[in-house]
PDB file of N, CA and C in Angstrom:
ATOM      1  N   GLN A   1      23.456 -46.512   0.338  1.00  0.00           N
ATOM      2  CA  GLN A   1      24.582 -45.635   0.611  1.00  0.00           C
ATOM      3  C   GLN A   1      25.585 -45.682  -0.532  1.00  0.00           C
ATOM      4  N   VAL A   2      26.326 -44.612  -0.636  1.00  0.00           N
ATOM      5  CA  VAL A   2      27.363 -44.486  -1.654  1.00  0.00           C
ATOM      6  C   VAL A   2      28.679 -44.179  -0.959  1.00  0.00           C
ATOM      7  N   GLN A   3      29.709 -44.833  -1.405  1.00  0.00           N
ATOM      8  CA  GLN A   3      31.043 -44.565  -0.883  1.00  0.00           C
ATOM      9  C   GLN A   3      31.900 -43.961  -1.999  1.00  0.00           C
ATOM     10  N   LEU A   4      32.661 -42.946  -1.647  1.00  0.00           N
ATOM     11  CA  LEU A   4      33.568 -42.292  -2.585  1.00  0.00           C
ATOM     12  C   LEU A   4      34.984 -42.403  -2.052  1.00  0.00           C
ATOM     13  N   VAL A   5      35.902 -42.784  -2.926  1.00  0.00           N
ATOM     14  CA  VAL A   5      37.295 -42.909  -2.528  1.00  0.00           C
ATOM     15  C   VAL A   5      38.169 -42.144  -3.511  1.00  0.00           C
ATOM     16  N   GLU A   6      38.909 -41.175  -2.980  1.00  0.00           N
ATOM     17  CA  GLU A   6      39.834 -40.404  -3.807  1.00  0.00           C
ATOM     18  C   GLU A   6      41.234 -41.009  -3.712  1.00  0.00           C
ATOM     19  N   SER A   7      42.012 -40.797  -4.752  1.00  0.00           N
ATOM     20  CA  SER A   7      43.409 -41.213  -4.723  1.00  0.00           C
ATOM     21  C   SER A   7      44.207 -40.314  -5.661  1.00  0.00           C
ATOM     22  N   GLY A   8      45.517 -40.320  -5.468  1.00  0.00           N
ATOM     23  CA  GLY A   8      46.392 -39.606  -6.393  1.00  0.00           C
ATOM     24  C   GLY A   8      47.011 -38.329  -5.872  1.00  0.00           C
ATOM     25  N   GLY A   9      46.698 -37.945  -4.652  1.00  0.00           N
ATOM     26  CA  GLY A   9      47.293 -36.729  -4.115  1.00  0.00           C
ATOM     27  C   GLY A   9      48.776 -36.892  -3.858  1.00  0.00           C
ATOM     28  N   GLY A  10      49.425 -35.775  -3.544  1.00  0.00           N
ATOM     29  CA  GLY A  10      50.854 -35.830  -3.257  1.00  0.00           C
ATOM     30  C   GLY A  10      51.479 -34.463  -3.256  1.00  0.00           C
ATOM     31  N   LEU A  11      52.801 -34.465  -3.254  1.00  0.00           N
ATOM     32  CA  LEU A  11      53.586 -33.230  -3.257  1.00  0.00           C
ATOM     33  C   LEU A  11      54.148 -32.994  -4.649  1.00  0.00           C
ATOM     34  N   VAL A  12      53.984 -31.778  -5.152  1.00  0.00           N
ATOM     35  CA  VAL A  12      54.466 -31.451  -6.491  1.00  0.00           C
ATOM     36  C   VAL A  12      54.999 -30.021  -6.480  1.00  0.00           C
ATOM     37  N   GLN A  13      55.952 -29.747  -7.326  1.00  0.00           N
ATOM     38  CA  GLN A  13      56.484 -28.395  -7.432  1.00  0.00           C
ATOM     39  C   GLN A  13      55.564 -27.521  -8.269  1.00  0.00           C
ATOM     40  N   ALA A  14      55.615 -26.251  -8.020  1.00  0.00           N
ATOM     41  CA  ALA A  14      54.831 -25.303  -8.801  1.00  0.00           C
ATOM     42  C   ALA A  14      55.152 -25.473 -10.283  1.00  0.00           C
ATOM     43  N   GLY A  15      54.084 -25.452 -11.085  1.00  0.00           N
ATOM     44  CA  GLY A  15      54.235 -25.675 -12.516  1.00  0.00           C
ATOM     45  C   GLY A  15      54.057 -27.116 -12.929  1.00  0.00           C
ATOM     46  N   GLY A  16      54.021 -28.005 -11.952  1.00  0.00           N
ATOM     47  CA  GLY A  16      53.896 -29.418 -12.237  1.00  0.00           C
ATOM     48  C   GLY A  16      52.457 -29.866 -12.422  1.00  0.00           C
ATOM     49  N   SER A  17      52.296 -31.173 -12.537  1.00  0.00           N
ATOM     50  CA  SER A  17      50.986 -31.760 -12.798  1.00  0.00           C
ATOM     51  C   SER A  17      50.710 -32.891 -11.836  1.00  0.00           C
ATOM     52  N   LEU A  18      49.425 -33.171 -11.666  1.00  0.00           N
ATOM     53  CA  LEU A  18      48.992 -34.253 -10.783  1.00  0.00           C
ATOM     54  C   LEU A  18      47.629 -34.714 -11.269  1.00  0.00           C
ATOM     55  N   LYS A  19      47.350 -35.991 -11.107  1.00  0.00           N
ATOM     56  CA  LYS A  19      46.045 -36.528 -11.524  1.00  0.00           C
ATOM     57  C   LYS A  19      45.407 -37.239 -10.355  1.00  0.00           C
ATOM     58  N   LEU A  20      44.191 -36.815 -10.030  1.00  0.00           N
ATOM     59  CA  LEU A  20      43.412 -37.427  -8.967  1.00  0.00           C
ATOM     60  C   LEU A  20      42.328 -38.316  -9.565  1.00  0.00           C
ATOM     61  N   SER A  21      41.967 -39.341  -8.815  1.00  0.00           N
ATOM     62  CA  SER A  21      40.881 -40.230  -9.215  1.00  0.00           C
ATOM     63  C   SER A  21      39.854 -40.283  -8.104  1.00  0.00           C
ATOM     64  N   CYS A  22      38.616 -40.532  -8.492  1.00  0.00           N
ATOM     65  CA  CYS A  22      37.540 -40.736  -7.522  1.00  0.00           C
ATOM     66  C   CYS A  22      36.669 -41.862  -8.031  1.00  0.00           C
ATOM     67  N   GLN A  23      36.478 -42.847  -7.191  1.00  0.00           N
ATOM     68  CA  GLN A  23      35.630 -43.977  -7.553  1.00  0.00           C
ATOM     69  C   GLN A  23      34.472 -44.063  -6.590  1.00  0.00           C
ATOM     70  N   ALA A  24      33.277 -44.150  -7.148  1.00  0.00           N
ATOM     71  CA  ALA A  24      32.076 -44.309  -6.332  1.00  0.00           C
ATOM     72  C   ALA A  24      31.640 -45.760  -6.359  1.00  0.00           C
ATOM     73  N   SER A  25      31.120 -46.222  -5.235  1.00  0.00           N
ATOM     74  CA  SER A  25      30.593 -47.585  -5.163  1.00  0.00           C
ATOM     75  C   SER A  25      29.357 -47.575  -4.283  1.00  0.00           C
ATOM     76  N   GLY A  26      28.644 -48.685  -4.305  1.00  0.00           N
ATOM     77  CA  GLY A  26      27.411 -48.774  -3.530  1.00  0.00           C
ATOM     78  C   GLY A  26      26.209 -48.497  -4.416  1.00  0.00           C
ATOM     79  N   ARG A  27      25.247 -47.784  -3.874  1.00  0.00           N
ATOM     80  CA  ARG A  27      24.002 -47.505  -4.599  1.00  0.00           C
ATOM     81  C   ARG A  27      24.169 -46.275  -5.482  1.00  0.00           C
ATOM     82  N   THR A  28      24.899 -46.444  -6.559  1.00  0.00           N
ATOM     83  CA  THR A  28      25.276 -45.312  -7.410  1.00  0.00           C
ATOM     84  C   THR A  28      24.260 -44.988  -8.484  1.00  0.00           C
ATOM     85  N   VAL A  29      23.220 -45.785  -8.609  1.00  0.00           N
ATOM     86  CA  VAL A  29      22.275 -45.591  -9.710  1.00  0.00           C
ATOM     87  C   VAL A  29      21.586 -44.229  -9.632  1.00  0.00           C
ATOM     88  N   SER A  30      21.459 -43.685  -8.416  1.00  0.00           N
ATOM     89  CA  SER A  30      20.760 -42.412  -8.264  1.00  0.00           C
ATOM     90  C   SER A  30      21.650 -41.195  -8.504  1.00  0.00           C
ATOM     91  N   LEU A  31      22.934 -41.421  -8.668  1.00  0.00           N
ATOM     92  CA  LEU A  31      23.844 -40.294  -8.819  1.00  0.00           C
ATOM     93  C   LEU A  31      23.765 -39.707 -10.222  1.00  0.00           C
ATOM     94  N   ALA A  32      23.826 -38.390 -10.313  1.00  0.00           N
ATOM     95  CA  ALA A  32      23.802 -37.722 -11.607  1.00  0.00           C
ATOM     96  C   ALA A  32      25.035 -36.850 -11.825  1.00  0.00           C
ATOM     97  N   ILE A  33      25.571 -36.326 -10.741  1.00  0.00           N
ATOM     98  CA  ILE A  33      26.674 -35.374 -10.824  1.00  0.00           C
ATOM     99  C   ILE A  33      27.785 -35.803  -9.861  1.00  0.00           C
ATOM    100  N   MET A  34      29.022 -35.692 -10.333  1.00  0.00           N
ATOM    101  CA  MET A  34      30.165 -35.836  -9.430  1.00  0.00           C
ATOM    102  C   MET A  34      31.016 -34.591  -9.551  1.00  0.00           C
ATOM    103  N   ALA A  35      31.596 -34.190  -8.437  1.00  0.00           N
ATOM    104  CA  ALA A  35      32.298 -32.914  -8.399  1.00  0.00           C
ATOM    105  C   ALA A  35      33.569 -33.022  -7.575  1.00  0.00           C
ATOM    106  N   TRP A  36      34.410 -32.046  -7.744  1.00  0.00           N
ATOM    107  CA  TRP A  36      35.612 -31.899  -6.938  1.00  0.00           C
ATOM    108  C   TRP A  36      35.544 -30.571  -6.170  1.00  0.00           C
ATOM    109  N   PHE A  37      35.883 -30.654  -4.914  1.00  0.00           N
ATOM    110  CA  PHE A  37      36.043 -29.477  -4.068  1.00  0.00           C
ATOM    111  C   PHE A  37      37.435 -29.534  -3.449  1.00  0.00           C
ATOM    112  N   ARG A  38      37.873 -28.424  -2.914  1.00  0.00           N
ATOM    113  CA  ARG A  38      39.141 -28.418  -2.196  1.00  0.00           C
ATOM    114  C   ARG A  38      39.021 -27.489  -0.983  1.00  0.00           C
ATOM    115  N   GLN A  39      39.872 -27.760  -0.014  1.00  0.00           N
ATOM    116  CA  GLN A  39      39.836 -26.970   1.205  1.00  0.00           C
ATOM    117  C   GLN A  39      41.248 -26.759   1.723  1.00  0.00           C
ATOM    118  N   ALA A  40      41.631 -25.498   1.805  1.00  0.00           N
ATOM    119  CA  ALA A  40      42.922 -25.139   2.371  1.00  0.00           C
ATOM    120  C   ALA A  40      42.755 -24.932   3.880  1.00  0.00           C
ATOM    121  N   PRO A  41      43.818 -25.038   4.643  1.00  0.00           N
ATOM    122  CA  PRO A  41      43.722 -24.858   6.096  1.00  0.00           C
ATOM    123  C   PRO A  41      43.098 -23.512   6.455  1.00  0.00           C
ATOM    124  N   GLY A  42      42.088 -23.562   7.313  1.00  0.00           N
ATOM    125  CA  GLY A  42      41.435 -22.342   7.772  1.00  0.00           C
ATOM    126  C   GLY A  42      40.492 -21.706   6.777  1.00  0.00           C
ATOM    127  N   MET A  43      40.269 -22.367   5.659  1.00  0.00           N
ATOM    128  CA  MET A  43      39.414 -21.804   4.617  1.00  0.00           C
ATOM    129  C   MET A  43      38.163 -22.664   4.441  1.00  0.00           C
ATOM    130  N   ASN A  44      37.153 -22.070   3.797  1.00  0.00           N
ATOM    131  CA  ASN A  44      35.957 -22.826   3.457  1.00  0.00           C
ATOM    132  C   ASN A  44      36.235 -23.780   2.309  1.00  0.00           C
ATOM    133  N   ARG A  45      35.374 -24.780   2.217  1.00  0.00           N
ATOM    134  CA  ARG A  45      35.486 -25.716   1.103  1.00  0.00           C
ATOM    135  C   ARG A  45      35.132 -24.984  -0.184  1.00  0.00           C
ATOM    136  N   GLU A  46      35.963 -25.154  -1.201  1.00  0.00           N
ATOM    137  CA  GLU A  46      35.855 -24.393  -2.443  1.00  0.00           C
ATOM    138  C   GLU A  46      35.550 -25.310  -3.623  1.00  0.00           C
ATOM    139  N   PHE A  47      34.614 -24.897  -4.450  1.00  0.00           N
ATOM    140  CA  PHE A  47      34.254 -25.642  -5.649  1.00  0.00           C
ATOM    141  C   PHE A  47      35.402 -25.601  -6.647  1.00  0.00           C
ATOM    142  N   VAL A  48      35.709 -26.767  -7.230  1.00  0.00           N
ATOM    143  CA  VAL A  48      36.733 -26.863  -8.265  1.00  0.00           C
ATOM    144  C   VAL A  48      36.088 -27.117  -9.623  1.00  0.00           C
ATOM    145  N   GLY A  49      35.211 -28.101  -9.694  1.00  0.00           N
ATOM    146  CA  GLY A  49      34.542 -28.410 -10.940  1.00  0.00           C
ATOM    147  C   GLY A  49      33.609 -29.581 -10.778  1.00  0.00           C
ATOM    148  N   LEU A  50      32.783 -29.822 -11.806  1.00  0.00           N
ATOM    149  CA  LEU A  50      31.831 -30.931 -11.760  1.00  0.00           C
ATOM    150  C   LEU A  50      31.637 -31.497 -13.153  1.00  0.00           C
ATOM    151  N   ILE A  51      31.071 -32.694 -13.172  1.00  0.00           N
ATOM    152  CA  ILE A  51      30.775 -33.334 -14.445  1.00  0.00           C
ATOM    153  C   ILE A  51      29.538 -34.198 -14.287  1.00  0.00           C
ATOM    154  N   GLY A  52      28.707 -34.244 -15.318  1.00  0.00           N
ATOM    155  CA  GLY A  52      27.550 -35.118 -15.308  1.00  0.00           C
ATOM    156  C   GLY A  52      27.964 -36.544 -15.652  1.00  0.00           C
ATOM    157  N   LEU A  53      27.321 -37.488 -15.041  1.00  0.00           N
ATOM    158  CA  LEU A  53      27.701 -38.890 -15.255  1.00  0.00           C
ATOM    159  C   LEU A  53      27.094 -39.483 -16.518  1.00  0.00           C
ATOM    160  N   SER A  54      26.164 -38.777 -17.113  1.00  0.00           N
ATOM    161  CA  SER A  54      25.523 -39.282 -18.330  1.00  0.00           C
ATOM    162  C   SER A  54      25.996 -38.583 -19.590  1.00  0.00           C
ATOM    163  N   GLY A  55      26.940 -37.692 -19.463  1.00  0.00           N
ATOM    164  CA  GLY A  55      27.472 -37.010 -20.633  1.00  0.00           C
ATOM    165  C   GLY A  55      27.569 -35.519 -20.422  1.00  0.00           C
ATOM    166  N   GLY A  56      28.060 -34.821 -21.422  1.00  0.00           N
ATOM    167  CA  GLY A  56      28.192 -33.366 -21.341  1.00  0.00           C
ATOM    168  C   GLY A  56      29.555 -32.937 -20.858  1.00  0.00           C
ATOM    169  N   ASP A  57      29.826 -31.676 -21.051  1.00  0.00           N
ATOM    170  CA  ASP A  57      31.118 -31.115 -20.672  1.00  0.00           C
ATOM    171  C   ASP A  57      31.175 -30.829 -19.178  1.00  0.00           C
ATOM    172  N   ALA A  58      32.392 -30.753 -18.682  1.00  0.00           N
ATOM    173  CA  ALA A  58      32.587 -30.392 -17.281  1.00  0.00           C
ATOM    174  C   ALA A  58      32.482 -28.874 -17.121  1.00  0.00           C
ATOM    175  N   THR A  59      32.234 -28.466 -15.884  1.00  0.00           N
ATOM    176  CA  THR A  59      32.170 -27.057 -15.520  1.00  0.00           C
ATOM    177  C   THR A  59      33.236 -26.798 -14.469  1.00  0.00           C
ATOM    178  N   TYR A  60      33.897 -25.635 -14.553  1.00  0.00           N
ATOM    179  CA  TYR A  60      35.026 -25.370 -13.681  1.00  0.00           C
ATOM    180  C   TYR A  60      34.897 -24.022 -12.972  1.00  0.00           C
ATOM    181  N   ALA A  61      35.540 -23.932 -11.821  1.00  0.00           N
ATOM    182  CA  ALA A  61      35.693 -22.636 -11.179  1.00  0.00           C
ATOM    183  C   ALA A  61      36.670 -21.808 -12.006  1.00  0.00           C
ATOM    184  N   ASP A  62      36.489 -20.501 -11.978  1.00  0.00           N
ATOM    185  CA  ASP A  62      37.357 -19.617 -12.758  1.00  0.00           C
ATOM    186  C   ASP A  62      38.829 -19.777 -12.382  1.00  0.00           C
ATOM    187  N   SER A  63      39.087 -20.071 -11.118  1.00  0.00           N
ATOM    188  CA  SER A  63      40.467 -20.145 -10.639  1.00  0.00           C
ATOM    189  C   SER A  63      41.247 -21.319 -11.221  1.00  0.00           C
ATOM    190  N   VAL A  64      40.539 -22.306 -11.767  1.00  0.00           N
ATOM    191  CA  VAL A  64      41.232 -23.485 -12.300  1.00  0.00           C
ATOM    192  C   VAL A  64      40.971 -23.701 -13.787  1.00  0.00           C
ATOM    193  N   LYS A  65      40.101 -22.901 -14.352  1.00  0.00           N
ATOM    194  CA  LYS A  65      39.742 -23.070 -15.758  1.00  0.00           C
ATOM    195  C   LYS A  65      40.998 -22.967 -16.620  1.00  0.00           C
ATOM    196  N   SER A  66      41.108 -23.817 -17.579  1.00  0.00           N
ATOM    197  CA  SER A  66      42.223 -23.939 -18.537  1.00  0.00           C
ATOM    198  C   SER A  66      43.447 -24.630 -17.938  1.00  0.00           C
ATOM    199  N   ARG A  67      43.432 -24.877 -16.621  1.00  0.00           N
ATOM    200  CA  ARG A  67      44.550 -25.614 -16.012  1.00  0.00           C
ATOM    201  C   ARG A  67      44.134 -27.010 -15.556  1.00  0.00           C
ATOM    202  N   PHE A  68      42.865 -27.151 -15.172  1.00  0.00           N
ATOM    203  CA  PHE A  68      42.366 -28.424 -14.662  1.00  0.00           C
ATOM    204  C   PHE A  68      41.393 -29.032 -15.670  1.00  0.00           C
ATOM    205  N   ASN A  69      41.331 -30.348 -15.688  1.00  0.00           N
ATOM    206  CA  ASN A  69      40.404 -31.044 -16.572  1.00  0.00           C
ATOM    207  C   ASN A  69      39.753 -32.206 -15.826  1.00  0.00           C
ATOM    208  N   ILE A  70      38.430 -32.256 -15.885  1.00  0.00           N
ATOM    209  CA  ILE A  70      37.688 -33.355 -15.265  1.00  0.00           C
ATOM    210  C   ILE A  70      37.169 -34.260 -16.372  1.00  0.00           C
ATOM    211  N   SER A  71      37.349 -35.542 -16.187  1.00  0.00           N
ATOM    212  CA  SER A  71      36.888 -36.501 -17.189  1.00  0.00           C
ATOM    213  C   SER A  71      36.248 -37.699 -16.509  1.00  0.00           C
ATOM    214  N   ARG A  72      35.493 -38.434 -17.277  1.00  0.00           N
ATOM    215  CA  ARG A  72      34.867 -39.667 -16.786  1.00  0.00           C
ATOM    216  C   ARG A  72      35.739 -40.852 -17.159  1.00  0.00           C
ATOM    217  N   GLY A  73      35.724 -41.863 -16.314  1.00  0.00           N
ATOM    218  CA  GLY A  73      36.437 -43.086 -16.610  1.00  0.00           C
ATOM    219  C   GLY A  73      35.568 -44.048 -17.395  1.00  0.00           C
ATOM    220  N   ASN A  74      36.089 -45.218 -17.691  1.00  0.00           N
ATOM    221  CA  ASN A  74      35.307 -46.243 -18.381  1.00  0.00           C
ATOM    222  C   ASN A  74      34.125 -46.690 -17.534  1.00  0.00           C
ATOM    223  N   ALA A  75      34.331 -46.734 -16.248  1.00  0.00           N
ATOM    224  CA  ALA A  75      33.224 -47.011 -15.340  1.00  0.00           C
ATOM    225  C   ALA A  75      32.434 -45.726 -15.144  1.00  0.00           C
ATOM    226  N   ARG A  76      31.121 -45.830 -15.162  1.00  0.00           N
ATOM    227  CA  ARG A  76      30.261 -44.640 -15.114  1.00  0.00           C
ATOM    228  C   ARG A  76      30.542 -43.774 -13.890  1.00  0.00           C
ATOM    229  N   THR A  77      30.901 -44.392 -12.795  1.00  0.00           N
ATOM    230  CA  THR A  77      31.041 -43.632 -11.553  1.00  0.00           C
ATOM    231  C   THR A  77      32.489 -43.485 -11.126  1.00  0.00           C
ATOM    232  N   THR A  78      33.363 -43.368 -12.096  1.00  0.00           N
ATOM    233  CA  THR A  78      34.755 -43.022 -11.833  1.00  0.00           C
ATOM    234  C   THR A  78      35.068 -41.739 -12.577  1.00  0.00           C
ATOM    235  N   ILE A  79      35.635 -40.778 -11.852  1.00  0.00           N
ATOM    236  CA  ILE A  79      36.041 -39.536 -12.512  1.00  0.00           C
ATOM    237  C   ILE A  79      37.482 -39.224 -12.167  1.00  0.00           C
ATOM    238  N   PHE A  80      38.055 -38.360 -12.978  1.00  0.00           N
ATOM    239  CA  PHE A  80      39.438 -37.959 -12.787  1.00  0.00           C
ATOM    240  C   PHE A  80      39.533 -36.441 -12.758  1.00  0.00           C
ATOM    241  N   LEU A  81      40.533 -35.952 -12.059  1.00  0.00           N
ATOM    242  CA  LEU A  81      40.857 -34.528 -12.060  1.00  0.00           C
ATOM    243  C   LEU A  81      42.322 -34.404 -12.445  1.00  0.00           C
ATOM    244  N   GLU A  82      42.557 -33.937 -13.670  1.00  0.00           N
ATOM    245  CA  GLU A  82      43.919 -33.732 -14.128  1.00  0.00           C
ATOM    246  C   GLU A  82      44.273 -32.270 -13.910  1.00  0.00           C
ATOM    247  N   MET A  83      45.311 -32.054 -13.124  1.00  0.00           N
ATOM    248  CA  MET A  83      45.705 -30.703 -12.747  1.00  0.00           C
ATOM    249  C   MET A  83      47.077 -30.395 -13.354  1.00  0.00           C
ATOM    250  N   SER A  84      47.172 -29.291 -14.039  1.00  0.00           N
ATOM    251  CA  SER A  84      48.440 -28.891 -14.638  1.00  0.00           C
ATOM    252  C   SER A  84      48.746 -27.447 -14.254  1.00  0.00           C
ATOM    253  N   ARG A  85      49.970 -27.047 -14.493  1.00  0.00           N
ATOM    254  CA  ARG A  85      50.438 -25.694 -14.130  1.00  0.00           C
ATOM    255  C   ARG A  85      50.023 -25.351 -12.704  1.00  0.00           C
ATOM    256  N   LEU A  86      50.294 -26.267 -11.821  1.00  0.00           N
ATOM    257  CA  LEU A  86      49.876 -26.106 -10.435  1.00  0.00           C
ATOM    258  C   LEU A  86      50.592 -24.940  -9.771  1.00  0.00           C
ATOM    259  N   ARG A  87      49.871 -24.305  -8.866  1.00  0.00           N
ATOM    260  CA  ARG A  87      50.370 -23.141  -8.127  1.00  0.00           C
ATOM    261  C   ARG A  87      50.325 -23.439  -6.637  1.00  0.00           C
ATOM    262  N   PRO A  88      51.122 -22.770  -5.845  1.00  0.00           N
ATOM    263  CA  PRO A  88      51.054 -22.994  -4.391  1.00  0.00           C
ATOM    264  C   PRO A  88      49.657 -22.779  -3.831  1.00  0.00           C
ATOM    265  N   GLU A  89      48.901 -21.884  -4.396  1.00  0.00           N
ATOM    266  CA  GLU A  89      47.539 -21.631  -3.902  1.00  0.00           C
ATOM    267  C   GLU A  89      46.560 -22.754  -4.252  1.00  0.00           C
ATOM    268  N   ASP A  90      46.999 -23.735  -5.034  1.00  0.00           N
ATOM    269  CA  ASP A  90      46.163 -24.917  -5.284  1.00  0.00           C
ATOM    270  C   ASP A  90      46.291 -25.940  -4.152  1.00  0.00           C
ATOM    271  N   THR A  91      47.167 -25.685  -3.211  1.00  0.00           N
ATOM    272  CA  THR A  91      47.369 -26.597  -2.084  1.00  0.00           C
ATOM    273  C   THR A  91      46.107 -26.734  -1.253  1.00  0.00           C
ATOM    274  N   GLY A  92      45.804 -27.965  -0.873  1.00  0.00           N
ATOM    275  CA  GLY A  92      44.646 -28.218  -0.024  1.00  0.00           C
ATOM    276  C   GLY A  92      44.268 -29.681  -0.056  1.00  0.00           C
ATOM    277  N   VAL A  93      43.235 -29.995   0.679  1.00  0.00           N
ATOM    278  CA  VAL A  93      42.657 -31.334   0.619  1.00  0.00           C
ATOM    279  C   VAL A  93      41.592 -31.319  -0.462  1.00  0.00           C
ATOM    280  N   TYR A  94      41.696 -32.243  -1.370  1.00  0.00           N
ATOM    281  CA  TYR A  94      40.752 -32.325  -2.491  1.00  0.00           C
ATOM    282  C   TYR A  94      39.736 -33.416  -2.204  1.00  0.00           C
ATOM    283  N   PHE A  95      38.474 -33.031  -2.270  1.00  0.00           N
ATOM    284  CA  PHE A  95      37.369 -33.932  -1.977  1.00  0.00           C
ATOM    285  C   PHE A  95      36.556 -34.215  -3.236  1.00  0.00           C
ATOM    286  N   CYS A  96      36.144 -35.444  -3.359  1.00  0.00           N
ATOM    287  CA  CYS A  96      35.191 -35.847  -4.376  1.00  0.00           C
ATOM    288  C   CYS A  96      33.799 -35.839  -3.739  1.00  0.00           C
ATOM    289  N   ALA A  97      32.820 -35.376  -4.487  1.00  0.00           N
ATOM    290  CA  ALA A  97      31.452 -35.328  -3.989  1.00  0.00           C
ATOM    291  C   ALA A  97      30.504 -35.826  -5.070  1.00  0.00           C
ATOM    292  N   ALA A  98      29.356 -36.318  -4.648  1.00  0.00           N
ATOM    293  CA  ALA A  98      28.382 -36.837  -5.612  1.00  0.00           C
ATOM    294  C   ALA A  98      26.975 -36.479  -5.174  1.00  0.00           C
ATOM    295  N   GLY A  99      26.126 -36.249  -6.149  1.00  0.00           N
ATOM    296  CA  GLY A  99      24.743 -35.908  -5.843  1.00  0.00           C
ATOM    297  C   GLY A  99      23.889 -35.962  -7.081  1.00  0.00           C
ATOM    298  N   ARG A 100      22.734 -35.301  -6.998  1.00  0.00           N
ATOM    299  CA  ARG A 100      21.777 -35.323  -8.101  1.00  0.00           C
ATOM    300  C   ARG A 100      21.624 -33.980  -8.786  1.00  0.00           C
ATOM    301  N   THR A 101      22.216 -32.944  -8.213  1.00  0.00           N
ATOM    302  CA  THR A 101      21.964 -31.587  -8.682  1.00  0.00           C
ATOM    303  C   THR A 101      23.240 -30.941  -9.181  1.00  0.00           C
ATOM    304  N   VAL A 102      23.129 -30.207 -10.274  1.00  0.00           N
ATOM    305  CA  VAL A 102      24.261 -29.421 -10.757  1.00  0.00           C
ATOM    306  C   VAL A 102      24.399 -28.209  -9.854  1.00  0.00           C
ATOM    307  N   ALA A 103      25.464 -28.151  -9.084  1.00  0.00           N
ATOM    308  CA  ALA A 103      25.608 -27.076  -8.104  1.00  0.00           C
ATOM    309  C   ALA A 103      27.069 -26.896  -7.751  1.00  0.00           C
ATOM    310  N   SER A 104      27.423 -25.683  -7.372  1.00  0.00           N
ATOM    311  CA  SER A 104      28.784 -25.408  -6.937  1.00  0.00           C
ATOM    312  C   SER A 104      28.879 -25.231  -5.427  1.00  0.00           C
ATOM    313  N   ARG A 105      27.778 -25.377  -4.736  1.00  0.00           N
ATOM    314  CA  ARG A 105      27.806 -25.249  -3.274  1.00  0.00           C
ATOM    315  C   ARG A 105      27.844 -26.616  -2.626  1.00  0.00           C
ATOM    316  N   PRO A 106      28.670 -26.792  -1.631  1.00  0.00           N
ATOM    317  CA  PRO A 106      28.844 -28.113  -1.014  1.00  0.00           C
ATOM    318  C   PRO A 106      27.551 -28.702  -0.451  1.00  0.00           C
ATOM    319  N   GLN A 107      26.650 -27.856   0.023  1.00  0.00           N
ATOM    320  CA  GLN A 107      25.452 -28.380   0.688  1.00  0.00           C
ATOM    321  C   GLN A 107      24.527 -29.138  -0.254  1.00  0.00           C
ATOM    322  N   TYR A 108      24.739 -29.026  -1.561  1.00  0.00           N
ATOM    323  CA  TYR A 108      23.894 -29.725  -2.515  1.00  0.00           C
ATOM    324  C   TYR A 108      24.367 -31.148  -2.792  1.00  0.00           C
ATOM    325  N   TYR A 109      25.511 -31.505  -2.203  1.00  0.00           N
ATOM    326  CA  TYR A 109      26.070 -32.838  -2.450  1.00  0.00           C
ATOM    327  C   TYR A 109      25.854 -33.726  -1.230  1.00  0.00           C
ATOM    328  N   THR A 110      25.326 -34.900  -1.492  1.00  0.00           N
ATOM    329  CA  THR A 110      24.961 -35.812  -0.424  1.00  0.00           C
ATOM    330  C   THR A 110      26.142 -36.663   0.041  1.00  0.00           C
ATOM    331  N   TYR A 111      26.978 -37.049  -0.888  1.00  0.00           N
ATOM    332  CA  TYR A 111      28.041 -38.007  -0.576  1.00  0.00           C
ATOM    333  C   TYR A 111      29.413 -37.362  -0.782  1.00  0.00           C
ATOM    334  N   TRP A 112      30.307 -37.707   0.130  1.00  0.00           N
ATOM    335  CA  TRP A 112      31.654 -37.135   0.117  1.00  0.00           C
ATOM    336  C   TRP A 112      32.702 -38.199   0.390  1.00  0.00           C
ATOM    337  N   GLY A 113      33.839 -38.049  -0.277  1.00  0.00           N
ATOM    338  CA  GLY A 113      34.985 -38.862   0.068  1.00  0.00           C
ATOM    339  C   GLY A 113      35.728 -38.252   1.245  1.00  0.00           C
ATOM    340  N   ARG A 114      36.782 -38.924   1.676  1.00  0.00           N
ATOM    341  CA  ARG A 114      37.564 -38.440   2.818  1.00  0.00           C
ATOM    342  C   ARG A 114      38.602 -37.415   2.414  1.00  0.00           C
ATOM    343  N   GLY A 115      38.863 -37.312   1.127  1.00  0.00           N
ATOM    344  CA  GLY A 115      39.806 -36.317   0.651  1.00  0.00           C
ATOM    345  C   GLY A 115      41.209 -36.855   0.462  1.00  0.00           C
ATOM    346  N   THR A 116      41.947 -36.170  -0.387  1.00  0.00           N
ATOM    347  CA  THR A 116      43.343 -36.499  -0.632  1.00  0.00           C
ATOM    348  C   THR A 116      44.145 -35.196  -0.651  1.00  0.00           C
ATOM    349  N   GLN A 117      45.287 -35.204   0.007  1.00  0.00           N
ATOM    350  CA  GLN A 117      46.079 -33.996   0.160  1.00  0.00           C
ATOM    351  C   GLN A 117      46.880 -33.702  -1.098  1.00  0.00           C
ATOM    352  N   VAL A 118      46.806 -32.462  -1.544  1.00  0.00           N
ATOM    353  CA  VAL A 118      47.644 -31.967  -2.638  1.00  0.00           C
ATOM    354  C   VAL A 118      48.462 -30.806  -2.093  1.00  0.00           C
ATOM    355  N   THR A 119      49.758 -30.908  -2.208  1.00  0.00           N
ATOM    356  CA  THR A 119      50.638 -29.843  -1.747  1.00  0.00           C
ATOM    357  C   THR A 119      51.514 -29.396  -2.906  1.00  0.00           C
ATOM    358  N   VAL A 120      51.467 -28.102  -3.191  1.00  0.00           N
ATOM    359  CA  VAL A 120      52.263 -27.534  -4.268  1.00  0.00           C
ATOM    360  C   VAL A 120      53.321 -26.626  -3.653  1.00  0.00           C
ATOM    361  N   SER A 121      54.560 -26.973  -3.842  1.00  0.00           N
ATOM    362  CA  SER A 121      55.660 -26.190  -3.272  1.00  0.00           C
ATOM    363  C   SER A 121      56.132 -25.132  -4.259  1.00  0.00           C
ATOM    364  N   SER A 122      56.568 -24.020  -3.694  1.00  0.00           N
ATOM    365  CA  SER A 122      57.006 -22.915  -4.566  1.00  0.00           C
ATOM    366  C   SER A 122      58.497 -23.007  -4.885  1.00  0.00           C
TER     367      SER A 122
END
């Protein structure tokens, strides 16, 4: 089993920045991809971006491209989501996910964190 723990959420004003972290533990050797999703109240879970754990550039949803940056930590299974120029529509619960396949659909990810709340005030 793999456990994912997100941290770093909070309340920020529009235009501000926030950095989220996700750390995976357990049987992580099989993981190839880690991703971020978000979910606003009453909405479906939405892809934010992903990164391969063995290298390569991150991939982003169009709605966050040029504002968000995903990076790997010193530990292979730690990733970060740096969010800048935040907008009220970025509000939601942000989830870290991990799996073996490069995909933007939630069903392709086997492991999920519990999420961290991000609220952007206008």
